[in-house]
Amino acid sequence: MSVSTDPGHFFQTDASAAKAERRAAKRDNKNGDPIVIGSKLLAIIPDPLDPDRVYVAESGGLARRVFLETGGNASIYRGHTAPVTSLALDSTAKTLFAGSWDKTIISWNTDTRRPLQTFTGHTDFVKSLLYLRTSDGSGLLLSGSSDASIIIWNATTSARIYALSGHNRGIGALAIDPVASTLTTAVIYSGGSERDIKRWEILVEEPRKSREVGEPMLEHETSVNKICFEGEDADMWTASADTTAKRIDIRDETKKEGGRSDTVLGHPDYVNDVVVEPKGRWAVTACRDEEVRVWDVGTGELYHIYDGHSEDVMGLAIFGSKQDMVASVSIDGTIRKWSLRQADLIKAIEAKKEEKKEKEKPIVEEKKESLLTVEEERELAELMEDDD
């Protein structure tokens, strides 16, 4: 019995057919100077050792290091048997960690690509990773999973140290607060497939004494896809399936009516990621509607939309020697690069305006010259009148 994967052989709603047609039309565009990987790309992190390199997570079970300017593959890291969903680097950027749907985490030496450890203990997909430095150099690795737990591991030996419980559903976002954390206590925030954002105190030297502190934050209506601390002031930013990205004021402990969010960026679909360039001028968001949006942090207004991807945009990373570029990865299997320089953004806005004008121009049909003589046209008209 043959099995078809052609969408045309299945029932499709008008909306899904229109989406498929639109995506097909966008598939071969060159916007963002695409680097074609082929496999669906699910996450991206910058390489702190080289402003031109990033690591990406692939649905094909691979992690990959890529040179963005040339599009060359620096290294491929193999070992997982299912999609890789999350990535982290140790404090030296010499060890790469990758979490997967196969419920494990694998670490590699980034230079030799030699596998170092396999972390086994979760009972469902691994969805998020976070590395913490320790005084003895061994490090701690935190992993969030669809099994609703956060496991603390010895990052060097892969020994399971302790598990944090409190979430009721999968954990897809982990972030350290660089302002509140100290050498001995890391303040961590977690979120995932529920609206709660939880705060934890991780005792770096005594992780078994780690605990949840305070009340959960309820700033979103549904799943929290990303938590990060960005910009000069290390503000908390979040991205959610409730179609918003938010800047949340966590420094003021005063309970405020309506929540702590002081900036809300609205989107037409799920928001998968948010990053802020180091100077704090621009926030950039990745959306399921295939677009990369650039926002003015000062006003909260949408400044420009970069389009080029033909599937969901899953992740973003700031890169470049001046940290004024952003790379995006998508389920369409491409990495695309976008400028955050003021002059380039203005050019992009003007180019989009011109493109829109061209599309809106009325189509004028050229009048075709008749192949008949005047006498023949008159005779034809008389014949037609006689038929009436």
Protein backbone atom coordinates (compact mmCIF):
# COMPACT_ATOMS: atom_id res chain seq x y z
CA MET A 1 0.00 0.00 0.00
CA SER A 2 1.47 3.37 -1.05
CA VAL A 3 1.45 6.33 1.30
CA SER A 4 1.51 9.91 -0.02
CA THR A 5 2.82 12.99 1.75
CA ASP A 6 1.70 15.37 -1.00
CA PRO A 7 -0.63 17.97 0.61
CA GLY A 8 -2.65 18.01 -2.60
CA HIS A 9 -3.78 14.43 -1.91
CA PHE A 10 -5.41 15.40 1.39
CA PHE A 11 -8.39 17.53 2.34
CA GLN A 12 -7.29 21.11 3.02
CA THR A 13 -9.26 24.08 4.27
CA ASP A 14 -9.12 27.28 2.23
CA ALA A 15 -6.95 28.83 4.95
CA SER A 16 -4.43 25.99 5.00
CA ALA A 17 -4.30 25.87 1.20
CA ALA A 18 -3.69 29.64 1.08
CA LYS A 19 -0.95 29.31 3.69
CA ALA A 20 0.72 26.51 1.74
CA GLU A 21 0.57 28.56 -1.47
CA ARG A 22 1.99 31.65 0.27
CA ARG A 23 4.83 29.67 1.83
CA ALA A 24 5.66 28.00 -1.47
CA ALA A 25 5.88 31.43 -3.12
CA LYS A 26 8.33 32.62 -0.43
CA ARG A 27 10.50 29.52 -0.34
CA ASP A 28 13.19 30.55 -2.81
CA ASN A 29 13.56 34.22 -1.90
CA LYS A 30 17.02 35.56 -1.01
CA ASN A 31 16.00 38.00 1.71
CA GLY A 32 18.39 37.87 4.64
CA ASP A 33 21.10 36.17 2.55
CA PRO A 34 19.95 32.67 3.58
CA ILE A 35 22.27 29.88 4.65
CA VAL A 36 20.48 26.68 3.69
CA ILE A 37 20.92 23.91 6.26
CA GLY A 38 18.06 21.70 5.06
CA SER A 39 17.00 20.25 8.38
CA LYS A 40 14.38 22.12 10.43
CA LEU A 41 16.15 24.52 12.80
CA LEU A 42 14.74 24.71 16.33
CA ALA A 43 17.18 26.87 18.31
CA ILE A 44 20.24 29.10 17.98
CA ILE A 45 22.85 30.52 20.38
CA PRO A 46 25.83 32.80 19.66
CA ASP A 47 29.42 31.62 20.01
CA PRO A 48 31.14 34.00 22.47
CA LEU A 49 34.55 33.02 21.07
CA ASP A 50 33.78 34.34 17.58
CA PRO A 51 31.22 37.09 16.79
CA ASP A 52 30.64 35.53 13.36
CA ARG A 53 29.73 32.04 14.62
CA VAL A 54 26.56 30.51 16.03
CA TYR A 55 25.39 27.08 17.13
CA VAL A 56 22.08 25.74 15.82
CA ALA A 57 19.86 22.84 16.89
CA GLU A 58 18.42 20.64 14.14
CA SER A 59 15.41 18.37 13.89
CA GLY A 60 17.70 15.78 12.29
CA GLY A 61 19.32 15.08 15.67
CA LEU A 62 22.38 17.27 15.07
CA ALA A 63 23.91 20.38 16.57
CA ARG A 64 25.99 22.48 14.22
CA ARG A 65 28.42 25.38 14.45
CA VAL A 66 28.11 27.78 11.50
CA PHE A 67 30.12 30.72 10.16
CA LEU A 68 27.48 33.32 9.37
CA GLU A 69 29.45 35.48 6.94
CA THR A 70 30.55 32.63 4.71
CA GLY A 71 27.82 30.10 5.46
CA GLY A 72 30.43 27.44 6.13
CA ASN A 73 29.99 24.65 8.65
CA ALA A 74 32.65 24.86 11.33
CA SER A 75 31.62 21.65 13.11
CA ILE A 76 28.82 19.11 13.31
CA TYR A 77 28.01 17.39 16.62
CA ARG A 78 26.37 13.97 16.38
CA GLY A 79 24.88 11.53 18.85
CA HIS A 80 21.20 12.29 19.39
CA THR A 81 18.55 10.04 17.90
CA ALA A 82 15.74 12.63 17.79
CA PRO A 83 15.36 16.39 17.20
CA VAL A 84 17.69 18.65 19.17
CA THR A 85 15.64 21.32 20.92
CA SER A 86 18.01 23.30 23.14
CA LEU A 87 21.66 24.33 23.43
CA ALA A 88 24.05 25.73 26.04
CA LEU A 89 27.77 26.41 26.37
CA ASP A 90 29.96 26.27 29.46
CA SER A 91 31.72 29.41 30.72
CA THR A 92 34.75 28.78 28.49
CA ALA A 93 32.63 27.97 25.41
CA LYS A 94 34.73 24.81 25.04
CA THR A 95 31.89 22.45 25.95
CA LEU A 96 28.60 22.33 24.06
CA PHE A 97 25.46 20.82 25.62
CA ALA A 98 22.43 19.80 23.55
CA GLY A 99 19.04 18.59 24.80
CA SER A 100 16.78 16.41 22.68
CA TRP A 101 13.43 14.74 22.22
CA ASP A 102 15.27 11.50 22.94
CA LYS A 103 15.11 12.60 26.65
CA THR A 104 18.88 12.95 26.98
CA ILE A 105 21.52 15.67 26.95
CA ILE A 106 24.88 15.15 25.25
CA SER A 107 28.02 17.24 25.75
CA TRP A 108 30.93 17.61 23.29
CA ASN A 109 34.30 19.28 23.17
CA THR A 110 33.60 22.13 20.75
CA ASP A 111 37.02 21.91 19.08
CA THR A 112 37.46 18.16 18.67
CA ARG A 113 33.71 17.36 18.43
CA ARG A 114 34.42 14.42 20.74
CA PRO A 115 31.37 13.41 22.82
CA LEU A 116 32.08 13.87 26.53
CA GLN A 117 29.01 12.83 28.52
CA THR A 118 25.41 11.69 28.12
CA PHE A 119 22.98 12.97 30.77
CA THR A 120 20.15 10.50 31.39
CA GLY A 121 17.33 11.04 33.84
CA HIS A 122 14.40 12.87 32.27
CA THR A 123 11.31 10.87 31.37
CA ASP A 124 10.21 13.15 28.52
CA PHE A 125 11.61 15.63 25.98
CA VAL A 126 14.42 17.95 27.12
CA LYS A 127 13.32 21.47 26.14
CA SER A 128 15.69 23.97 27.80
CA LEU A 129 19.24 24.18 29.17
CA LEU A 130 21.21 26.58 31.36
CA TYR A 131 24.84 26.38 32.47
CA LEU A 132 26.03 27.77 35.84
CA ARG A 133 29.65 28.34 36.77
CA THR A 134 31.03 26.88 40.03
CA SER A 135 34.17 27.71 42.01
CA ASP A 136 35.71 24.28 41.41
CA GLY A 137 35.27 24.58 37.64
CA SER A 138 32.99 21.54 37.26
CA GLY A 139 29.90 23.66 36.65
CA LEU A 140 26.21 22.94 37.03
CA LEU A 141 23.84 22.23 34.17
CA LEU A 142 20.11 22.85 34.59
CA SER A 143 17.66 21.18 32.22
CA GLY A 144 13.93 21.75 31.82
CA SER A 145 11.78 18.98 30.39
CA SER A 146 8.29 18.08 29.24
CA ASP A 147 8.18 15.89 32.36
CA ALA A 148 7.67 19.19 34.32
CA SER A 149 10.95 18.90 36.23
CA ILE A 150 14.18 20.87 36.32
CA ILE A 151 17.19 18.64 36.95
CA ILE A 152 20.47 19.99 38.31
CA TRP A 153 23.48 18.05 36.99
CA ASN A 154 27.22 18.07 37.52
CA ALA A 155 28.12 19.50 34.11
CA THR A 156 31.47 17.66 33.95
CA THR A 157 30.51 14.17 35.13
CA SER A 158 26.79 14.16 34.12
CA ALA A 159 25.88 13.04 37.67
CA ARG A 160 22.29 13.91 38.59
CA ILE A 161 22.39 16.05 41.73
CA TYR A 162 18.87 17.28 42.44
CA ALA A 163 15.46 17.83 40.84
CA LEU A 164 13.28 20.91 41.28
CA SER A 165 9.53 20.38 41.13
CA GLY A 166 6.73 22.90 41.08
CA HIS A 167 5.69 23.24 37.47
CA ASN A 168 2.70 21.25 36.28
CA ARG A 169 3.67 21.12 32.61
CA GLY A 170 6.74 21.18 30.36
CA ILE A 171 9.55 23.69 30.97
CA GLY A 172 10.84 25.34 27.81
CA ALA A 173 12.56 28.45 29.17
CA LEU A 174 15.35 28.92 31.74
CA ALA A 175 17.27 32.13 32.44
CA ILE A 176 19.62 33.52 35.09
CA ASP A 177 19.11 37.00 36.50
CA PRO A 178 22.62 38.53 36.25
CA VAL A 179 21.74 41.38 38.61
CA ALA A 180 20.27 39.40 41.51
CA SER A 181 22.71 36.47 41.27
CA THR A 182 25.94 36.19 43.28
CA LEU A 183 28.90 33.82 43.16
CA THR A 184 27.16 31.52 45.65
CA THR A 185 23.46 31.95 44.75
CA ALA A 186 22.05 31.96 41.23
CA VAL A 187 18.57 33.45 40.81
CA ILE A 188 16.86 31.50 38.05
CA TYR A 189 13.52 32.01 36.31
CA SER A 190 11.65 29.22 34.53
CA GLY A 191 8.60 29.04 32.30
CA GLY A 192 6.97 26.74 29.79
CA SER A 193 3.67 25.21 28.78
CA GLU A 194 1.72 27.11 31.43
CA ARG A 195 1.50 30.81 32.22
CA ASP A 196 3.44 30.65 35.52
CA ILE A 197 6.96 32.09 35.61
CA LYS A 198 8.72 30.71 38.68
CA ARG A 199 11.73 32.04 40.56
CA TRP A 200 14.36 29.77 42.10
CA GLU A 201 17.42 30.27 44.25
CA ILE A 202 20.12 27.80 43.22
CA LEU A 203 22.80 27.40 45.88
CA VAL A 204 25.73 26.84 43.58
CA GLU A 205 27.94 25.04 46.13
CA GLU A 206 25.03 23.19 47.78
CA PRO A 207 22.51 22.62 44.97
CA ARG A 208 20.44 20.17 47.03
CA LYS A 209 19.32 23.14 49.13
CA SER A 210 17.99 25.02 46.09
CA ARG A 211 14.36 26.15 46.35
CA GLU A 212 11.52 28.11 44.78
CA VAL A 213 11.10 31.60 46.22
CA GLY A 214 8.21 34.04 46.04
CA GLU A 215 4.95 33.76 44.17
CA PRO A 216 4.83 32.78 40.48
CA MET A 217 4.48 35.67 38.06
CA LEU A 218 1.38 35.56 35.87
CA GLU A 219 2.20 38.09 33.17
CA HIS A 220 1.08 35.98 30.21
CA GLU A 221 -2.18 34.26 29.34
CA THR A 222 -0.61 30.99 28.22
CA SER A 223 2.72 29.25 27.44
CA VAL A 224 5.99 31.13 28.01
CA ASN A 225 8.41 30.26 25.19
CA LYS A 226 11.39 32.41 26.19
CA ILE A 227 12.79 34.22 29.23
CA CYS A 228 15.94 36.29 28.93
CA PHE A 229 17.76 39.23 30.47
CA GLU A 230 18.81 41.69 27.83
CA GLY A 231 20.11 45.20 27.21
CA GLU A 232 22.35 47.46 29.27
CA ASP A 233 20.09 47.21 32.33
CA ALA A 234 19.58 43.43 32.11
CA ASP A 235 15.80 43.81 31.85
CA MET A 236 13.66 40.68 31.85
CA TRP A 237 12.05 39.98 28.48
CA THR A 238 9.63 37.17 27.70
CA ALA A 239 8.01 35.68 24.60
CA SER A 240 4.72 33.83 24.72
CA ALA A 241 2.16 31.85 22.78
CA ASP A 242 -0.37 34.49 23.85
CA THR A 243 0.98 36.51 20.87
CA THR A 244 3.00 38.97 22.95
CA ALA A 245 6.58 39.69 23.95
CA LYS A 246 6.95 41.68 27.17
CA ARG A 247 9.46 43.58 29.24
CA ILE A 248 8.70 42.81 32.88
CA ASP A 249 9.77 44.99 35.79
CA ILE A 250 11.07 42.50 38.35
CA ARG A 251 13.19 44.99 40.34
CA ASP A 252 10.19 46.68 41.92
CA GLU A 253 8.67 44.24 44.40
CA THR A 254 5.56 46.42 44.80
CA LYS A 255 2.49 44.54 43.65
CA LYS A 256 0.97 46.44 40.74
CA GLU A 257 -2.55 46.24 39.42
CA GLY A 258 -2.46 44.79 35.92
CA GLY A 259 0.94 43.15 36.40
CA ARG A 260 4.57 44.22 36.10
CA SER A 261 4.87 44.41 32.34
CA ASP A 262 5.89 47.91 31.25
CA THR A 263 6.28 47.11 27.53
CA VAL A 264 3.96 44.84 25.55
CA LEU A 265 4.74 43.97 21.93
CA GLY A 266 1.69 42.55 20.15
CA HIS A 267 1.91 40.02 17.31
CA PRO A 268 -0.56 38.18 15.06
CA ASP A 269 0.65 34.73 16.19
CA TYR A 270 2.80 32.88 18.75
CA VAL A 271 6.06 34.62 19.71
CA ASN A 272 8.90 32.08 19.92
CA ASP A 273 11.87 34.26 20.86
CA VAL A 274 12.97 37.77 21.78
CA VAL A 275 16.44 39.37 21.94
CA VAL A 276 17.63 42.93 22.58
CA GLU A 277 20.76 44.36 21.00
CA PRO A 278 23.36 45.31 23.64
CA LYS A 279 22.81 49.08 23.45
CA GLY A 280 19.15 48.54 24.24
CA ARG A 281 17.78 50.44 21.23
CA TRP A 282 16.11 47.55 19.42
CA ALA A 283 14.16 44.51 20.56
CA VAL A 284 13.80 41.78 17.93
CA THR A 285 11.13 39.07 17.98
CA ALA A 286 10.64 35.75 16.19
CA CYS A 287 7.06 34.83 15.33
CA ARG A 288 5.20 31.80 14.07
CA ASP A 289 3.88 33.96 11.20
CA GLU A 290 7.36 33.65 9.56
CA GLU A 291 8.39 37.25 10.28
CA VAL A 292 11.25 38.88 12.19
CA ARG A 293 10.13 42.13 13.82
CA VAL A 294 12.31 45.01 14.99
CA TRP A 295 10.85 47.16 17.79
CA ASP A 296 11.93 50.51 19.21
CA VAL A 297 12.51 49.74 22.91
CA GLY A 298 12.07 53.37 23.93
CA THR A 299 8.61 53.75 22.44
CA GLY A 300 7.46 50.13 22.22
CA GLU A 301 6.51 50.77 18.59
CA LEU A 302 7.07 48.38 15.69
CA TYR A 303 9.88 49.84 13.56
CA HIS A 304 10.31 47.32 10.75
CA ILE A 305 9.38 43.79 9.67
CA TYR A 306 11.99 41.62 7.99
CA ASP A 307 10.39 38.92 5.84
CA GLY A 308 12.09 36.03 4.12
CA HIS A 309 11.40 32.86 6.04
CA SER A 310 8.69 30.58 4.68
CA GLU A 311 7.97 28.72 7.95
CA ASP A 312 7.84 29.49 11.69
CA VAL A 313 10.80 31.53 12.97
CA MET A 314 12.06 29.63 16.02
CA GLY A 315 15.07 31.51 17.38
CA LEU A 316 17.29 34.60 17.24
CA ALA A 317 20.90 35.47 18.07
CA ILE A 318 22.70 38.82 18.07
CA PHE A 319 26.06 38.62 16.26
CA GLY A 320 28.75 40.64 14.51
CA SER A 321 31.85 42.46 15.69
CA LYS A 322 29.68 45.43 16.71
CA GLN A 323 26.77 43.24 17.83
CA ASP A 324 24.54 45.05 15.36
CA MET A 325 23.26 42.07 13.38
CA VAL A 326 20.66 39.44 14.22
CA ALA A 327 20.45 35.88 12.86
CA SER A 328 17.17 34.00 12.70
CA VAL A 329 16.49 30.28 12.32
CA SER A 330 13.34 28.66 11.04
CA ILE A 331 11.57 25.39 10.44
CA ASP A 332 12.17 26.19 6.75
CA GLY A 333 15.77 24.99 7.26
CA THR A 334 17.51 28.34 6.74
CA ILE A 335 19.54 30.79 8.80
CA ARG A 336 18.95 34.40 7.73
CA LYS A 337 20.84 37.55 8.69
CA TRP A 338 19.36 41.00 9.30
CA SER A 339 20.99 44.34 10.05
CA LEU A 340 20.13 46.42 13.12
CA ARG A 341 22.14 49.41 11.92
CA GLN A 342 19.98 52.53 11.67
CA ALA A 343 21.02 53.30 8.09
CA ASP A 344 20.32 49.74 6.93
CA LEU A 345 16.93 49.69 8.65
CA ILE A 346 15.95 52.94 6.90
CA LYS A 347 16.99 51.46 3.54
CA ALA A 348 14.99 48.31 4.26
CA ILE A 349 11.92 50.37 5.14
CA GLU A 350 12.21 52.41 1.92
CA ALA A 351 12.71 49.27 -0.16
CA LYS A 352 9.58 47.73 1.32
CA LYS A 353 7.59 50.88 0.53
CA GLU A 354 8.76 50.75 -3.10
CA GLU A 355 7.91 47.07 -3.31
CA LYS A 356 4.42 47.80 -1.99
CA LYS A 357 3.95 50.58 -4.57
CA GLU A 358 4.93 48.23 -7.39
CA LYS A 359 2.45 45.62 -6.21
CA GLU A 360 -0.35 48.20 -5.98
CA LYS A 361 0.17 49.60 -9.48
CA PRO A 362 -2.89 48.92 -11.68
CA ILE A 363 -2.33 46.48 -14.49
CA VAL A 364 -2.90 48.25 -17.80
CA GLU A 365 -3.66 45.95 -20.67
CA GLU A 366 -2.08 46.96 -23.96
CA LYS A 367 -4.57 47.50 -26.76
CA LYS A 368 -3.87 44.93 -29.43
CA GLU A 369 -3.87 46.11 -33.03
CA SER A 370 -6.53 44.47 -35.17
CA LEU A 371 -5.40 42.25 -38.00
CA LEU A 372 -8.52 43.24 -40.02
CA THR A 373 -8.81 46.20 -42.39
CA VAL A 374 -11.42 48.90 -41.73
CA GLU A 375 -13.65 47.44 -44.48
CA GLU A 376 -13.34 43.92 -43.06
CA GLU A 377 -14.23 45.15 -39.54
CA ARG A 378 -17.32 46.94 -40.93
CA GLU A 379 -18.38 43.82 -42.82
CA LEU A 380 -17.93 41.68 -39.69
CA ALA A 381 -20.04 44.12 -37.64
CA GLU A 382 -22.83 43.99 -40.25
CA LEU A 383 -22.80 40.19 -40.21
CA MET A 384 -23.12 40.16 -36.44
CA GLU A 385 -26.08 42.58 -36.64
CA ASP A 386 -27.75 40.31 -39.20
CA ASP A 387 -27.37 37.37 -36.78
CA ASP A 388 -29.32 39.33 -34.17
